[in-house]
Amino acid sequence: MVKIITDWGRIIKEPLQALNLGKVDSIALHHMAHPTAGIKDVQQWHLNQGWRAIGYNFWIDFEGNVYEGRGLNLGAGVANQNGHILSIGFQGDYDKSQSMPDAQFNAGID
């Protein structure tokens, strides 16, 4: 069972809207397109774009730690599709590497 980390310094600038779980029919998997960026880096990039919080519902680092981003609230990972999608971000740049660490891969499955 994966433990979801909720106390990582997440910033939420405005209240988030609950995601209607009955409408969720997809999971969008994202990678950072950066070889080492951590969750706080990604959060800052998203806040700098004017978003109210990190865009992903959950985020998984190389070690397999799962972080709550927006949790079960409306995400911002896929433009015009967020009402029916859970977005999960993965640390790493998988355009340049096809090798995801086992811990990260297994946490994504869990």
Protein backbone atom coordinates (compact mmCIF):
# COMPACT_ATOMS: atom_id res chain seq x y z
CA MET A 1 0.00 0.00 0.00
CA VAL A 2 1.42 3.36 -1.02
CA LYS A 3 1.41 6.13 1.55
CA ILE A 4 0.46 9.47 0.05
CA ILE A 5 2.51 12.38 1.37
CA THR A 6 0.30 15.36 2.14
CA ASP A 7 2.62 17.50 4.29
CA TRP A 8 5.27 18.49 1.75
CA GLY A 9 4.71 22.26 1.68
CA ARG A 10 1.98 22.30 -0.91
CA ILE A 11 0.64 25.76 -1.74
CA ILE A 12 -2.99 26.33 -2.72
CA LYS A 13 -3.64 29.97 -3.66
CA GLU A 14 -7.40 29.65 -4.13
CA PRO A 15 -9.94 27.00 -3.10
CA LEU A 16 -10.00 23.93 -5.33
CA GLN A 17 -13.12 22.43 -6.89
CA ALA A 18 -13.96 18.83 -5.98
CA LEU A 19 -13.60 16.36 -8.83
CA ASN A 20 -16.76 14.40 -9.58
CA LEU A 21 -15.30 10.91 -9.22
CA GLY A 22 -18.31 9.40 -11.01
CA LYS A 23 -17.17 11.15 -14.20
CA VAL A 24 -13.52 10.04 -14.05
CA ASP A 25 -12.84 7.71 -16.97
CA SER A 26 -9.15 8.32 -17.64
CA ILE A 27 -5.76 8.77 -16.05
CA ALA A 28 -3.24 11.08 -17.72
CA LEU A 29 0.40 10.25 -17.05
CA HIS A 30 2.86 13.11 -17.34
CA HIS A 31 6.61 13.46 -17.01
CA MET A 32 8.43 16.66 -16.23
CA ALA A 33 10.61 16.82 -19.37
CA HIS A 34 13.38 17.77 -16.94
CA PRO A 35 15.91 15.22 -15.70
CA THR A 36 15.82 16.05 -11.98
CA ALA A 37 13.09 18.61 -11.13
CA GLY A 38 11.42 17.87 -7.80
CA ILE A 39 7.86 18.45 -6.73
CA LYS A 40 8.58 21.90 -5.30
CA ASP A 41 10.17 22.96 -8.60
CA VAL A 42 7.11 21.80 -10.51
CA GLN A 43 4.78 23.48 -8.03
CA GLN A 44 6.64 26.77 -8.49
CA TRP A 45 6.50 26.48 -12.29
CA HIS A 46 2.74 25.98 -12.13
CA LEU A 47 2.19 28.81 -9.64
CA ASN A 48 4.30 31.11 -11.83
CA GLN A 49 1.84 30.40 -14.66
CA GLY A 50 -0.94 31.78 -12.46
CA TRP A 51 -2.42 28.42 -11.52
CA ARG A 52 -4.01 28.09 -8.09
CA ALA A 53 -1.88 25.05 -7.16
CA ILE A 54 0.31 22.38 -8.72
CA GLY A 55 -1.63 21.03 -11.69
CA TYR A 56 -1.35 17.31 -10.99
CA ASN A 57 -3.62 15.35 -8.72
CA PHE A 58 -0.65 13.25 -7.60
CA TRP A 59 3.09 13.29 -8.27
CA ILE A 60 5.63 10.46 -7.97
CA ASP A 61 9.37 10.91 -7.48
CA PHE A 62 12.23 8.60 -8.44
CA GLU A 63 12.17 6.89 -5.02
CA GLY A 64 8.48 5.99 -5.37
CA ASN A 65 7.17 8.62 -2.97
CA VAL A 66 3.64 9.66 -3.92
CA TYR A 67 2.72 13.27 -3.18
CA GLU A 68 -0.76 14.70 -3.06
CA GLY A 69 -0.98 17.60 -5.47
CA ARG A 70 -4.59 18.58 -5.96
CA GLY A 71 -5.72 15.22 -4.62
CA LEU A 72 -9.28 14.39 -5.60
CA ASN A 73 -9.95 17.93 -6.75
CA LEU A 74 -10.17 19.18 -10.32
CA GLY A 75 -6.67 19.01 -11.81
CA ALA A 76 -5.00 21.21 -14.38
CA GLY A 77 -2.97 18.62 -16.29
CA VAL A 78 -4.93 18.35 -19.56
CA ALA A 79 -6.53 21.47 -21.02
CA ASN A 80 -10.30 21.21 -21.48
CA GLN A 81 -10.37 17.61 -20.17
CA ASN A 82 -9.76 17.91 -16.43
CA GLY A 83 -13.37 17.23 -15.44
CA HIS A 84 -13.01 13.51 -16.19
CA ILE A 85 -9.28 12.84 -15.77
CA LEU A 86 -6.89 12.19 -12.89
CA SER A 87 -3.43 13.55 -13.71
CA ILE A 88 -0.32 11.91 -12.31
CA GLY A 89 3.06 13.55 -12.76
CA PHE A 90 6.31 11.58 -12.70
CA GLN A 91 9.72 13.00 -11.91
CA GLY A 92 12.09 12.66 -14.86
CA ASP A 93 12.44 13.23 -18.55
CA TYR A 94 11.20 10.11 -20.31
CA ASP A 95 11.65 11.57 -23.79
CA LYS A 96 15.39 11.19 -23.19
CA SER A 97 15.36 8.06 -21.02
CA GLN A 98 13.16 5.01 -21.30
CA SER A 99 14.28 3.66 -17.94
CA MET A 100 12.01 4.57 -15.01
CA PRO A 101 13.29 3.45 -11.60
CA ASP A 102 11.47 0.36 -10.32
CA ALA A 103 10.30 2.15 -7.16
CA GLN A 104 8.73 4.94 -9.20
CA PHE A 105 7.15 2.57 -11.71
CA ASN A 106 5.68 0.33 -8.98
CA ALA A 107 4.31 3.32 -7.05
CA GLY A 108 2.61 4.48 -10.24
CA ILE A 109 0.98 1.10 -10.61
CA ASP A 110 -0.11 1.04 -6.96
